[in-house]
Amino acid sequence: MSMQEIPLQPDFRQRAKTNDVAVARLIGFETKEIADGKATVVLAAGPQHANPMGTLHGGILCDIADAAMGIAFASTLGADETFTTVELKINFFRTVWTAQLRAEGAVVQRGRTVGYVECTISDEENRLIAKAASTCMVLRGQKAAGR
């Protein structure tokens, strides 16, 4: 199949801006703000996000943190660049059952190949729920093909 036969998908940055992201629809989060090196994702956490103990599953917090950090990092990329996350760490501070969550991602350091991003997740009362950090690797040329 030649390049002309491959259907082109909208740029991933455009999909993030318009909330056209499959995992966002699945979990129910939405991107609210994207700026240079910053992004905010919101989620109305409820019983559909519960673990077997009835509290918010930690993986949901990882998902919104990863989305906020990834979108923040993506906002720093050039037109010929894409990226992948190579490491993700999260600390949980408060149990959640239902809440309006806000994940705020910000690029702390952006190098030519590697970047470091942090995220704070808070609830509607501005209580700290979790903090996350990730390392992202910029991909160019053949390494970025098909992404």
C-alpha atoms as a PDB file:
ATOM      1  CA  MET A   1       0.000   0.000   0.000  1.00  0.00           C
ATOM      2  CA  SER A   2       1.447   3.368  -0.979  1.00  0.00           C
ATOM      3  CA  MET A   3       1.353   6.462   1.210  1.00  0.00           C
ATOM      4  CA  GLN A   4      -1.458   7.875  -0.938  1.00  0.00           C
ATOM      5  CA  GLU A   5      -3.635   4.858  -0.109  1.00  0.00           C
ATOM      6  CA  ILE A   6      -3.227   5.143   3.658  1.00  0.00           C
ATOM      7  CA  PRO A   7      -6.095   7.169   5.090  1.00  0.00           C
ATOM      8  CA  LEU A   8      -4.679  10.096   7.006  1.00  0.00           C
ATOM      9  CA  GLN A   9      -5.859  10.517  10.565  1.00  0.00           C
ATOM     10  CA  PRO A  10      -6.220  13.951  12.084  1.00  0.00           C
ATOM     11  CA  ASP A  11      -3.118  15.097  13.913  1.00  0.00           C
ATOM     12  CA  PHE A  12      -3.077  13.767  17.493  1.00  0.00           C
ATOM     13  CA  ARG A  13      -2.845  17.316  18.837  1.00  0.00           C
ATOM     14  CA  GLN A  14      -6.044  18.242  17.004  1.00  0.00           C
ATOM     15  CA  ARG A  15      -7.816  15.145  18.342  1.00  0.00           C
ATOM     16  CA  ALA A  16      -6.820  16.147  21.900  1.00  0.00           C
ATOM     17  CA  LYS A  17      -8.081  19.713  21.389  1.00  0.00           C
ATOM     18  CA  THR A  18     -11.452  18.470  20.150  1.00  0.00           C
ATOM     19  CA  ASN A  19     -11.711  15.625  22.698  1.00  0.00           C
ATOM     20  CA  ASP A  20     -11.725  13.099  19.855  1.00  0.00           C
ATOM     21  CA  VAL A  21      -9.798  10.495  21.860  1.00  0.00           C
ATOM     22  CA  ALA A  22     -11.120   6.948  22.305  1.00  0.00           C
ATOM     23  CA  VAL A  23      -9.825   6.437  25.861  1.00  0.00           C
ATOM     24  CA  ALA A  24     -11.311   9.787  26.912  1.00  0.00           C
ATOM     25  CA  ARG A  25     -14.729   8.662  25.665  1.00  0.00           C
ATOM     26  CA  LEU A  26     -14.331   5.279  27.384  1.00  0.00           C
ATOM     27  CA  ILE A  27     -13.400   6.710  30.789  1.00  0.00           C
ATOM     28  CA  GLY A  28     -15.333   9.959  30.482  1.00  0.00           C
ATOM     29  CA  PHE A  29     -12.616  12.581  30.833  1.00  0.00           C
ATOM     30  CA  GLU A  30     -12.348  15.774  28.831  1.00  0.00           C
ATOM     31  CA  THR A  31      -9.509  18.097  27.932  1.00  0.00           C
ATOM     32  CA  LYS A  32     -10.347  21.619  29.084  1.00  0.00           C
ATOM     33  CA  GLU A  33      -7.196  23.659  28.529  1.00  0.00           C
ATOM     34  CA  ILE A  34      -4.100  23.310  26.377  1.00  0.00           C
ATOM     35  CA  ALA A  35      -1.321  25.899  26.473  1.00  0.00           C
ATOM     36  CA  ASP A  36       2.386  25.882  25.737  1.00  0.00           C
ATOM     37  CA  GLY A  37       3.628  23.080  27.973  1.00  0.00           C
ATOM     38  CA  LYS A  38       0.431  22.852  30.055  1.00  0.00           C
ATOM     39  CA  ALA A  39      -2.846  20.959  29.873  1.00  0.00           C
ATOM     40  CA  THR A  40      -5.882  20.350  32.063  1.00  0.00           C
ATOM     41  CA  VAL A  41      -8.091  17.266  31.988  1.00  0.00           C
ATOM     42  CA  VAL A  42     -11.332  16.934  33.987  1.00  0.00           C
ATOM     43  CA  LEU A  43     -13.344  13.896  35.065  1.00  0.00           C
ATOM     44  CA  ALA A  44     -16.606  13.457  36.937  1.00  0.00           C
ATOM     45  CA  ALA A  45     -15.536  10.390  38.936  1.00  0.00           C
ATOM     46  CA  GLY A  46     -18.378   8.128  39.979  1.00  0.00           C
ATOM     47  CA  PRO A  47     -19.407   4.534  40.697  1.00  0.00           C
ATOM     48  CA  GLN A  48     -18.549   3.493  37.124  1.00  0.00           C
ATOM     49  CA  HIS A  49     -14.878   4.123  37.997  1.00  0.00           C
ATOM     50  CA  ALA A  50     -14.867   2.080  41.234  1.00  0.00           C
ATOM     51  CA  ASN A  51     -12.493  -0.713  42.183  1.00  0.00           C
ATOM     52  CA  PRO A  52     -13.823  -3.820  44.031  1.00  0.00           C
ATOM     53  CA  MET A  53     -13.697  -1.880  47.341  1.00  0.00           C
ATOM     54  CA  GLY A  54     -16.003   0.807  45.948  1.00  0.00           C
ATOM     55  CA  THR A  55     -13.451   3.611  45.753  1.00  0.00           C
ATOM     56  CA  LEU A  56     -12.008   5.220  42.645  1.00  0.00           C
ATOM     57  CA  HIS A  57      -9.649   2.816  40.876  1.00  0.00           C
ATOM     58  CA  GLY A  58      -6.057   4.096  40.904  1.00  0.00           C
ATOM     59  CA  GLY A  59      -5.744   3.294  37.210  1.00  0.00           C
ATOM     60  CA  ILE A  60      -8.337   5.972  36.459  1.00  0.00           C
ATOM     61  CA  LEU A  61      -6.160   8.533  38.239  1.00  0.00           C
ATOM     62  CA  CYS A  62      -3.199   7.245  36.198  1.00  0.00           C
ATOM     63  CA  ASP A  63      -5.223   7.659  33.007  1.00  0.00           C
ATOM     64  CA  ILE A  64      -6.179  11.274  33.617  1.00  0.00           C
ATOM     65  CA  ALA A  65      -2.691  12.161  34.830  1.00  0.00           C
ATOM     66  CA  ASP A  66      -1.115  10.474  31.796  1.00  0.00           C
ATOM     67  CA  ALA A  67      -3.519  12.323  29.500  1.00  0.00           C
ATOM     68  CA  ALA A  68      -2.841  15.722  31.092  1.00  0.00           C
ATOM     69  CA  MET A  69       0.928  15.177  31.022  1.00  0.00           C
ATOM     70  CA  GLY A  70       0.916  13.773  27.492  1.00  0.00           C
ATOM     71  CA  ILE A  71      -1.162  16.621  26.103  1.00  0.00           C
ATOM     72  CA  ALA A  72       1.036  19.158  27.910  1.00  0.00           C
ATOM     73  CA  PHE A  73       4.148  17.551  26.412  1.00  0.00           C
ATOM     74  CA  ALA A  74       2.560  17.278  22.954  1.00  0.00           C
ATOM     75  CA  SER A  75       1.937  21.033  23.009  1.00  0.00           C
ATOM     76  CA  THR A  76       5.729  21.546  22.900  1.00  0.00           C
ATOM     77  CA  LEU A  77       6.349  19.380  19.827  1.00  0.00           C
ATOM     78  CA  GLY A  78       7.278  20.549  16.362  1.00  0.00           C
ATOM     79  CA  ALA A  79       5.248  19.566  13.306  1.00  0.00           C
ATOM     80  CA  ASP A  80       7.646  16.707  12.463  1.00  0.00           C
ATOM     81  CA  GLU A  81       7.766  15.330  16.003  1.00  0.00           C
ATOM     82  CA  THR A  82       5.714  12.922  18.063  1.00  0.00           C
ATOM     83  CA  PHE A  83       6.504  11.271  21.399  1.00  0.00           C
ATOM     84  CA  THR A  84       6.063   8.305  23.661  1.00  0.00           C
ATOM     85  CA  THR A  85       5.915   8.038  27.436  1.00  0.00           C
ATOM     86  CA  VAL A  86       8.762   5.916  28.779  1.00  0.00           C
ATOM     87  CA  GLU A  87       8.010   6.176  32.502  1.00  0.00           C
ATOM     88  CA  LEU A  88       5.049   7.064  34.704  1.00  0.00           C
ATOM     89  CA  LYS A  89       4.924   7.380  38.498  1.00  0.00           C
ATOM     90  CA  ILE A  90       2.009   8.326  40.702  1.00  0.00           C
ATOM     91  CA  ASN A  91       1.412   8.874  44.412  1.00  0.00           C
ATOM     92  CA  PHE A  92      -2.121   8.623  45.837  1.00  0.00           C
ATOM     93  CA  PHE A  93      -2.963  10.908  48.775  1.00  0.00           C
ATOM     94  CA  ARG A  94      -6.727  10.829  49.256  1.00  0.00           C
ATOM     95  CA  THR A  95      -9.429   8.205  48.747  1.00  0.00           C
ATOM     96  CA  VAL A  96     -12.133   9.177  46.255  1.00  0.00           C
ATOM     97  CA  TRP A  97     -15.652   7.815  45.796  1.00  0.00           C
ATOM     98  CA  THR A  98     -17.251  10.524  43.669  1.00  0.00           C
ATOM     99  CA  ALA A  99     -15.653  13.850  42.795  1.00  0.00           C
ATOM    100  CA  GLN A 100     -15.077  16.437  40.109  1.00  0.00           C
ATOM    101  CA  LEU A 101     -11.403  15.803  39.400  1.00  0.00           C
ATOM    102  CA  ARG A 102      -8.964  18.171  37.728  1.00  0.00           C
ATOM    103  CA  ALA A 103      -5.613  16.882  36.438  1.00  0.00           C
ATOM    104  CA  GLU A 104      -3.167  19.679  35.618  1.00  0.00           C
ATOM    105  CA  GLY A 105      -0.094  18.640  33.669  1.00  0.00           C
ATOM    106  CA  ALA A 106       2.950  20.855  33.154  1.00  0.00           C
ATOM    107  CA  VAL A 107       6.239  20.320  31.364  1.00  0.00           C
ATOM    108  CA  VAL A 108       9.067  20.892  33.836  1.00  0.00           C
ATOM    109  CA  GLN A 109      11.997  20.215  31.501  1.00  0.00           C
ATOM    110  CA  ARG A 110      11.945  19.799  27.714  1.00  0.00           C
ATOM    111  CA  GLY A 111      15.160  18.689  26.080  1.00  0.00           C
ATOM    112  CA  ARG A 112      15.751  17.775  22.450  1.00  0.00           C
ATOM    113  CA  THR A 113      15.019  14.087  23.086  1.00  0.00           C
ATOM    114  CA  VAL A 114      13.722  13.702  26.644  1.00  0.00           C
ATOM    115  CA  GLY A 115      11.243  15.679  28.690  1.00  0.00           C
ATOM    116  CA  TYR A 116      10.002  15.556  32.272  1.00  0.00           C
ATOM    117  CA  VAL A 117       6.370  16.343  33.091  1.00  0.00           C
ATOM    118  CA  GLU A 118       4.441  16.592  36.371  1.00  0.00           C
ATOM    119  CA  CYS A 119       0.729  16.495  37.195  1.00  0.00           C
ATOM    120  CA  THR A 120      -1.380  17.470  40.177  1.00  0.00           C
ATOM    121  CA  ILE A 121      -4.841  15.960  40.588  1.00  0.00           C
ATOM    122  CA  SER A 122      -7.287  17.790  42.832  1.00  0.00           C
ATOM    123  CA  ASP A 123     -11.006  17.629  43.574  1.00  0.00           C
ATOM    124  CA  GLU A 124     -13.720  20.292  43.484  1.00  0.00           C
ATOM    125  CA  GLU A 125     -12.706  21.452  46.974  1.00  0.00           C
ATOM    126  CA  ASN A 126      -9.107  21.869  45.763  1.00  0.00           C
ATOM    127  CA  ARG A 127      -7.912  18.974  47.937  1.00  0.00           C
ATOM    128  CA  LEU A 128      -4.824  17.174  46.680  1.00  0.00           C
ATOM    129  CA  ILE A 129      -5.796  13.696  45.465  1.00  0.00           C
ATOM    130  CA  ALA A 130      -2.607  12.561  43.725  1.00  0.00           C
ATOM    131  CA  LYS A 131       0.638  13.710  42.115  1.00  0.00           C
ATOM    132  CA  ALA A 132       2.205  12.092  39.087  1.00  0.00           C
ATOM    133  CA  ALA A 133       5.339  12.467  37.001  1.00  0.00           C
ATOM    134  CA  SER A 134       6.398  11.090  33.648  1.00  0.00           C
ATOM    135  CA  THR A 135       9.350  10.997  31.323  1.00  0.00           C
ATOM    136  CA  CYS A 136       8.629  11.428  27.626  1.00  0.00           C
ATOM    137  CA  MET A 137      10.839  10.723  24.633  1.00  0.00           C
ATOM    138  CA  VAL A 138      10.571  12.784  21.443  1.00  0.00           C
ATOM    139  CA  LEU A 139      10.385  10.750  18.228  1.00  0.00           C
ATOM    140  CA  ARG A 140      11.394  12.034  14.801  1.00  0.00           C
ATOM    141  CA  GLY A 141      11.832  10.653  11.302  1.00  0.00           C
ATOM    142  CA  GLN A 142      11.474   6.879  10.954  1.00  0.00           C
ATOM    143  CA  LYS A 143      10.855   6.487  14.703  1.00  0.00           C
ATOM    144  CA  ALA A 144       7.807   8.748  14.398  1.00  0.00           C
ATOM    145  CA  ALA A 145       6.394   6.983  11.332  1.00  0.00           C
ATOM    146  CA  GLY A 146       2.827   5.784  11.783  1.00  0.00           C
ATOM    147  CA  ARG A 147       2.282   7.473  15.136  1.00  0.00           C
END
